N, C-alpha and C. Protein backbone atom coordinates (compact mmCIF):
# COMPACT_ATOMS: atom_id res chain seq x y z
N UNK A 1 -5.42 -11.60 5.83
CA UNK A 1 -5.75 -10.40 5.38
C UNK A 1 -7.19 -10.24 5.00
N UNK A 2 -7.77 -11.42 4.83
CA UNK A 2 -9.31 -11.35 4.64
C UNK A 2 -9.98 -10.61 5.69
N UNK A 3 -9.58 -10.89 7.01
CA UNK A 3 -10.28 -10.16 8.07
C UNK A 3 -10.19 -8.64 7.99
N UNK A 4 -9.02 -8.23 7.28
CA UNK A 4 -8.93 -6.64 7.18
C UNK A 4 -9.76 -6.25 6.04
N UNK A 5 -9.35 -6.94 4.85
CA UNK A 5 -9.80 -6.32 3.57
C UNK A 5 -11.36 -6.83 3.17
N UNK A 6 -11.69 -7.96 3.52
CA UNK A 6 -13.06 -8.38 3.35
C UNK A 6 -14.09 -8.16 4.45
N UNK A 7 -13.57 -8.40 5.63
CA UNK A 7 -14.42 -8.32 6.84
C UNK A 7 -14.39 -7.02 7.47
N UNK A 8 -13.40 -6.14 7.14
CA UNK A 8 -13.38 -4.86 7.73
C UNK A 8 -12.84 -4.67 9.20
N UNK A 9 -12.18 -5.66 9.70
CA UNK A 9 -11.69 -5.52 11.01
C UNK A 9 -10.47 -4.49 11.07
N UNK A 10 -10.36 -3.83 12.07
CA UNK A 10 -9.08 -2.86 12.18
C UNK A 10 -7.86 -3.60 12.22
N UNK A 11 -6.90 -3.07 11.60
CA UNK A 11 -5.51 -3.64 11.58
C UNK A 11 -5.14 -3.87 12.96
N UNK A 12 -5.08 -2.93 13.89
CA UNK A 12 -4.54 -3.05 15.24
C UNK A 12 -5.24 -4.32 15.98
N UNK A 13 -6.57 -4.56 15.71
CA UNK A 13 -7.11 -5.72 16.39
C UNK A 13 -6.74 -7.08 15.74
N UNK A 14 -6.69 -7.07 14.42
CA UNK A 14 -6.16 -8.32 13.80
C UNK A 14 -4.65 -8.52 14.20
N UNK A 15 -3.84 -7.40 14.21
CA UNK A 15 -2.49 -7.67 14.59
C UNK A 15 -2.26 -8.18 16.08
N UNK A 16 -3.16 -7.64 16.99
CA UNK A 16 -2.98 -8.13 18.27
C UNK A 16 -3.51 -9.59 18.37
N UNK A 17 -4.56 -9.89 17.69
CA UNK A 17 -5.30 -11.26 17.71
C UNK A 17 -4.23 -12.38 17.27
N UNK A 18 -3.44 -12.10 16.15
CA UNK A 18 -2.64 -13.06 15.51
C UNK A 18 -1.22 -12.88 15.90
N UNK A 19 -0.91 -11.90 16.68
CA UNK A 19 0.46 -11.81 17.28
C UNK A 19 1.52 -11.39 16.11
N UNK A 20 1.01 -10.51 15.17
CA UNK A 20 1.77 -10.13 14.02
C UNK A 20 1.80 -8.48 14.12
N UNK A 21 2.92 -7.95 13.75
CA UNK A 21 3.09 -6.54 13.90
C UNK A 21 2.10 -5.86 12.97
N UNK A 22 1.64 -4.79 13.30
CA UNK A 22 0.76 -3.79 12.33
C UNK A 22 1.58 -3.61 11.00
N UNK A 23 2.90 -3.21 11.31
CA UNK A 23 3.58 -2.92 9.99
C UNK A 23 3.60 -4.14 9.06
N UNK A 24 3.73 -5.29 9.42
CA UNK A 24 3.70 -6.48 8.60
C UNK A 24 2.35 -6.60 7.90
N UNK A 25 1.27 -6.30 8.71
CA UNK A 25 -0.05 -6.40 8.04
C UNK A 25 -0.17 -5.37 6.94
N UNK A 26 0.18 -4.16 7.27
CA UNK A 26 0.09 -3.11 6.19
C UNK A 26 0.90 -3.36 5.01
N UNK A 27 2.09 -3.91 5.26
CA UNK A 27 2.92 -4.31 4.26
C UNK A 27 2.35 -5.40 3.34
N UNK A 28 1.70 -6.32 3.90
CA UNK A 28 1.20 -7.43 3.22
C UNK A 28 -0.16 -6.91 2.47
N UNK A 29 -0.89 -6.02 3.16
CA UNK A 29 -2.03 -5.33 2.58
C UNK A 29 -1.67 -4.60 1.15
N UNK A 30 -0.40 -3.86 1.23
CA UNK A 30 0.08 -3.20 -0.07
C UNK A 30 0.39 -4.16 -1.04
N UNK A 31 1.19 -5.26 -0.77
CA UNK A 31 1.50 -6.28 -1.58
C UNK A 31 0.20 -7.00 -2.16
N UNK A 32 -0.69 -7.17 -1.54
CA UNK A 32 -1.88 -7.84 -2.07
C UNK A 32 -2.61 -6.73 -3.10
N UNK A 33 -2.66 -5.54 -2.69
CA UNK A 33 -3.17 -4.47 -3.55
C UNK A 33 -2.46 -4.58 -4.91
N UNK A 34 -1.13 -4.61 -4.98
CA UNK A 34 -0.38 -4.65 -6.07
C UNK A 34 -0.72 -5.95 -7.06
N UNK A 35 -0.94 -6.90 -6.48
CA UNK A 35 -1.17 -8.31 -7.16
C UNK A 35 -2.56 -8.14 -7.64
N UNK A 36 -3.45 -7.56 -7.02
CA UNK A 36 -4.98 -7.38 -7.34
C UNK A 36 -4.97 -6.40 -8.56
N UNK A 37 -4.07 -5.40 -8.61
CA UNK A 37 -4.05 -4.42 -9.70
C UNK A 37 -3.62 -5.17 -10.96
N UNK A 38 -2.68 -6.12 -10.83
CA UNK A 38 -2.08 -6.90 -11.99
C UNK A 38 -3.14 -7.76 -12.56
N UNK A 39 -3.93 -8.29 -11.72
CA UNK A 39 -5.04 -9.24 -12.01
C UNK A 39 -6.07 -8.46 -13.07
N UNK A 40 -6.33 -7.18 -12.69
CA UNK A 40 -7.29 -6.44 -13.47
C UNK A 40 -6.89 -6.18 -14.99
N UNK A 41 -5.55 -6.11 -15.10
CA UNK A 41 -4.89 -5.94 -16.43
C UNK A 41 -4.98 -7.29 -17.15
N UNK A 42 -4.66 -8.28 -16.55
CA UNK A 42 -4.89 -9.72 -17.02
C UNK A 42 -6.32 -9.91 -17.52
N UNK A 43 -7.29 -9.53 -16.64
CA UNK A 43 -8.65 -9.75 -16.98
C UNK A 43 -9.08 -9.09 -18.22
N UNK A 44 -8.42 -7.78 -18.31
CA UNK A 44 -8.87 -7.05 -19.52
C UNK A 44 -8.18 -7.68 -20.68
N UNK A 45 -6.98 -8.20 -20.65
CA UNK A 45 -6.36 -8.96 -21.75
C UNK A 45 -6.98 -10.14 -22.09
N UNK A 46 -7.54 -10.86 -21.13
CA UNK A 46 -8.34 -12.09 -21.56
C UNK A 46 -9.64 -11.76 -22.31
N UNK A 47 -10.28 -10.69 -21.76
CA UNK A 47 -11.59 -10.34 -22.46
C UNK A 47 -11.26 -9.85 -23.92
N UNK A 48 -10.05 -9.13 -24.04
CA UNK A 48 -9.69 -8.75 -25.55
C UNK A 48 -9.44 -9.94 -26.53
N UNK A 49 -8.70 -10.96 -25.75
CA UNK A 49 -8.30 -12.16 -26.57
C UNK A 49 -9.45 -13.02 -26.84
N UNK A 50 -10.48 -13.05 -25.99
CA UNK A 50 -11.69 -13.74 -26.30
C UNK A 50 -12.37 -13.19 -27.33
N UNK A 51 -12.49 -11.82 -27.34
CA UNK A 51 -13.17 -11.13 -28.58
C UNK A 51 -12.64 -11.36 -29.91
N UNK A 52 -11.09 -11.35 -29.85
CA UNK A 52 -10.37 -11.50 -31.01
C UNK A 52 -10.63 -12.93 -31.49
N UNK A 53 -10.67 -13.99 -30.59
CA UNK A 53 -10.85 -15.28 -30.94
C UNK A 53 -12.34 -15.63 -31.60
N UNK A 54 -13.31 -14.96 -31.10
CA UNK A 54 -14.66 -15.09 -31.52
C UNK A 54 -14.70 -14.41 -33.07
N UNK A 55 -13.97 -13.27 -33.19
CA UNK A 55 -13.87 -12.77 -34.63
C UNK A 55 -13.17 -13.73 -35.63
N UNK A 56 -12.09 -14.20 -35.15
CA UNK A 56 -11.38 -15.03 -36.07
C UNK A 56 -12.00 -16.37 -36.36
N UNK A 57 -12.73 -17.07 -35.21
CA UNK A 57 -13.54 -18.16 -35.49
C UNK A 57 -14.59 -17.89 -36.53
N UNK A 58 -15.16 -16.77 -36.41
CA UNK A 58 -16.29 -16.41 -37.42
C UNK A 58 -15.58 -16.30 -38.78
N UNK A 59 -14.64 -15.61 -38.90
CA UNK A 59 -14.04 -15.38 -40.18
C UNK A 59 -13.51 -16.82 -40.81
N UNK A 60 -13.11 -17.76 -40.05
CA UNK A 60 -12.77 -19.13 -40.56
C UNK A 60 -14.01 -19.66 -40.91
N UNK A 61 -15.04 -19.69 -40.25
CA UNK A 61 -16.31 -20.43 -40.54
C UNK A 61 -16.88 -19.79 -41.79
N UNK A 62 -16.69 -18.52 -42.07
CA UNK A 62 -17.15 -17.84 -43.48
C UNK A 62 -16.41 -18.46 -44.62
N UNK A 63 -15.08 -18.44 -44.28
CA UNK A 63 -14.15 -19.09 -45.38
C UNK A 63 -14.32 -20.45 -45.54
N UNK A 64 -14.81 -21.29 -44.66
CA UNK A 64 -15.13 -22.69 -44.80
C UNK A 64 -16.34 -22.88 -45.61
N UNK A 65 -17.31 -22.11 -45.44
CA UNK A 65 -18.64 -22.10 -46.20
C UNK A 65 -18.49 -21.56 -47.64
N UNK A 66 -17.61 -20.62 -47.78
CA UNK A 66 -17.33 -20.09 -49.13
C UNK A 66 -16.58 -21.13 -49.96
N UNK A 67 -15.62 -21.83 -49.29
CA UNK A 67 -14.90 -22.78 -49.92
C UNK A 67 -15.73 -24.04 -50.40
N UNK A 68 -16.66 -24.37 -49.58
CA UNK A 68 -17.47 -25.51 -49.75
C UNK A 68 -18.30 -25.01 -51.03
N UNK A 69 -18.89 -23.78 -50.89
CA UNK A 69 -19.78 -23.30 -52.10
C UNK A 69 -19.15 -23.21 -53.46
N UNK A 70 -17.98 -22.85 -53.50
CA UNK A 70 -17.12 -22.80 -54.75
C UNK A 70 -16.74 -24.05 -55.26
N UNK A 71 -16.41 -25.03 -54.19
CA UNK A 71 -16.03 -26.32 -54.71
C UNK A 71 -17.20 -27.09 -55.29
N UNK A 72 -18.38 -26.79 -54.73
CA UNK A 72 -19.59 -27.52 -55.29
C UNK A 72 -19.81 -27.05 -56.68
N UNK A 73 -19.65 -25.56 -56.96
CA UNK A 73 -19.86 -24.98 -58.22
C UNK A 73 -18.83 -25.56 -59.43
N UNK A 74 -17.68 -25.86 -58.85
CA UNK A 74 -16.61 -26.27 -59.72
C UNK A 74 -16.76 -27.72 -60.40
N UNK A 75 -17.73 -28.53 -59.65
CA UNK A 75 -17.96 -29.92 -60.03
C UNK A 75 -18.66 -30.10 -61.39
């Protein structure tokens, strides 16, 4: 599939060279496109989760510092 999708070879040429029907190559290309579209959604979710993790980590660090500050004053 890389010959078609990345290198730009015509499907007919790749089909003949590999001894695979053009129909099969087009079918695999469609399946690959669907998988790739799913990856984009996963990437967006990962970015969102990383932002949320950074925010929660910052909140935790602030609370740790506040706890230490007030514990010091209580002594």
